[in-house]
C-alpha atoms as a PDB file:
ATOM      1  CA  MET A   1       0.000   0.000   0.000  1.00  0.00           C
ATOM      2  CA  LYS A   2       1.350   3.398  -0.963  1.00  0.00           C
ATOM      3  CA  LYS A   3       2.158   5.883   1.779  1.00  0.00           C
ATOM      4  CA  SER A   4      -0.349   8.377   0.391  1.00  0.00           C
ATOM      5  CA  THR A   5      -3.115   5.771   0.474  1.00  0.00           C
ATOM      6  CA  ARG A   6      -2.166   4.834   4.023  1.00  0.00           C
ATOM      7  CA  ALA A   7      -2.396   8.468   5.104  1.00  0.00           C
ATOM      8  CA  LEU A   8      -5.801   8.828   3.446  1.00  0.00           C
ATOM      9  CA  VAL A   9      -7.174   5.623   4.986  1.00  0.00           C
ATOM     10  CA  GLY A  10      -5.760   6.613   8.382  1.00  0.00           C
ATOM     11  CA  MET A  11      -7.497   9.975   8.160  1.00  0.00           C
ATOM     12  CA  VAL A  12     -10.849   8.379   7.384  1.00  0.00           C
ATOM     13  CA  VAL A  13     -10.494   5.774  10.145  1.00  0.00           C
ATOM     14  CA  LEU A  14      -9.441   8.303  12.787  1.00  0.00           C
ATOM     15  CA  ASP A  15     -12.233  10.688  11.773  1.00  0.00           C
ATOM     16  CA  LEU A  16     -14.783   7.874  12.051  1.00  0.00           C
ATOM     17  CA  LEU A  17     -13.461   6.815  15.461  1.00  0.00           C
ATOM     18  CA  LEU A  18     -13.595  10.370  16.782  1.00  0.00           C
ATOM     19  CA  GLY A  19     -17.098  10.834  15.382  1.00  0.00           C
ATOM     20  CA  MET A  20     -18.351   7.575  16.883  1.00  0.00           C
ATOM     21  CA  GLY A  21     -16.816   8.469  20.247  1.00  0.00           C
ATOM     22  CA  ALA A  22     -18.525  11.853  20.210  1.00  0.00           C
ATOM     23  CA  LEU A  23     -21.828  10.256  19.222  1.00  0.00           C
ATOM     24  CA  PHE A  24     -21.465   7.755  22.061  1.00  0.00           C
ATOM     25  CA  MET A  25     -20.858  10.551  24.567  1.00  0.00           C
ATOM     26  CA  VAL A  26     -23.785  12.625  23.277  1.00  0.00           C
ATOM     27  CA  VAL A  27     -26.158   9.642  23.485  1.00  0.00           C
ATOM     28  CA  LYS A  28     -25.038   8.841  27.036  1.00  0.00           C
ATOM     29  CA  THR A  29     -25.553  12.479  28.050  1.00  0.00           C
ATOM     30  CA  ARG A  30     -28.976  12.734  26.364  1.00  0.00           C
ATOM     31  CA  THR A  31     -30.330   9.538  27.917  1.00  0.00           C
ATOM     32  CA  GLY A  32     -29.200  10.620  31.367  1.00  0.00           C
ATOM     33  CA  GLU A  33     -26.704   7.799  31.905  1.00  0.00           C
ATOM     34  CA  TRP A  34     -24.039  10.456  32.299  1.00  0.00           C
ATOM     35  CA  GLN A  35     -25.116  13.236  34.625  1.00  0.00           C
ATOM     36  CA  ALA A  36     -24.478  16.838  33.685  1.00  0.00           C
ATOM     37  CA  SER A  37     -25.676  19.991  35.396  1.00  0.00           C
ATOM     38  CA  ASP A  38     -26.577  21.419  31.972  1.00  0.00           C
ATOM     39  CA  PRO A  39     -26.910  18.663  29.356  1.00  0.00           C
ATOM     40  CA  ALA A  40     -27.214  21.138  26.463  1.00  0.00           C
ATOM     41  CA  ALA A  41     -23.942  22.807  27.396  1.00  0.00           C
ATOM     42  CA  ALA A  42     -22.250  19.432  27.846  1.00  0.00           C
ATOM     43  CA  ILE A  43     -23.413  18.261  24.407  1.00  0.00           C
ATOM     44  CA  SER A  44     -22.232  21.525  22.890  1.00  0.00           C
ATOM     45  CA  ALA A  45     -18.809  21.098  24.498  1.00  0.00           C
ATOM     46  CA  ILE A  46     -18.586  17.486  23.290  1.00  0.00           C
ATOM     47  CA  THR A  47     -19.446  18.356  19.693  1.00  0.00           C
ATOM     48  CA  THR A  48     -17.164  21.396  19.648  1.00  0.00           C
ATOM     49  CA  THR A  49     -14.204  19.412  20.986  1.00  0.00           C
ATOM     50  CA  ALA A  50     -14.853  16.474  18.648  1.00  0.00           C
ATOM     51  CA  GLY A  51     -15.173  18.816  15.667  1.00  0.00           C
ATOM     52  CA  ALA A  52     -11.865  20.466  16.517  1.00  0.00           C
ATOM     53  CA  ALA A  53     -10.154  17.095  16.929  1.00  0.00           C
ATOM     54  CA  ILE A  54     -11.531  15.848  13.604  1.00  0.00           C
ATOM     55  CA  GLY A  55     -10.386  19.053  11.933  1.00  0.00           C
ATOM     56  CA  ILE A  56      -6.866  18.773  13.334  1.00  0.00           C
ATOM     57  CA  VAL A  57      -6.548  15.112  12.324  1.00  0.00           C
ATOM     58  CA  SER A  58      -7.895  15.858   8.850  1.00  0.00           C
ATOM     59  CA  VAL A  59      -5.489  18.722   8.272  1.00  0.00           C
ATOM     60  CA  ILE A  60      -2.412  16.847   9.491  1.00  0.00           C
ATOM     61  CA  LEU A  61      -3.143  13.664   7.559  1.00  0.00           C
ATOM     62  CA  GLY A  62      -4.380  15.611   4.536  1.00  0.00           C
ATOM     63  CA  LEU A  63      -1.040  17.391   4.403  1.00  0.00           C
ATOM     64  CA  ALA A  64       0.746  14.057   4.792  1.00  0.00           C
ATOM     65  CA  TRP A  65      -1.337  12.643   1.931  1.00  0.00           C
ATOM     66  CA  TRP A  66      -0.522  15.638  -0.268  1.00  0.00           C
ATOM     67  CA  ARG A  67       3.186  15.472   0.517  1.00  0.00           C
ATOM     68  CA  HIS A  68       3.412  11.729  -0.141  1.00  0.00           C
ATOM     69  CA  ARG A  69       1.378  12.035  -3.344  1.00  0.00           C
ATOM     70  CA  ARG A  70       3.592  14.889  -4.523  1.00  0.00           C
ATOM     71  CA  SER A  71       6.764  12.879  -3.936  1.00  0.00           C
ATOM     72  CA  GLY A  72       5.331   9.894  -5.810  1.00  0.00           C
ATOM     73  CA  ASN A  73       4.718   7.591  -2.882  1.00  0.00           C
END
């Protein structure tokens, strides 16, 4: 497998894992299994943090994909 393909697959897998983890946390907060003083604020914090993490992972691995593709790997 080429390095560029590995970087692209890694980006997709990590983004999916982060998204599923955020969804899991939101569901637990909404159903009341996880207690929060303000569930709406907790869900907002979860989605904001997960979105930032997905963005950071996408940028880093997107740049790695571009660099590997440019060098012919």
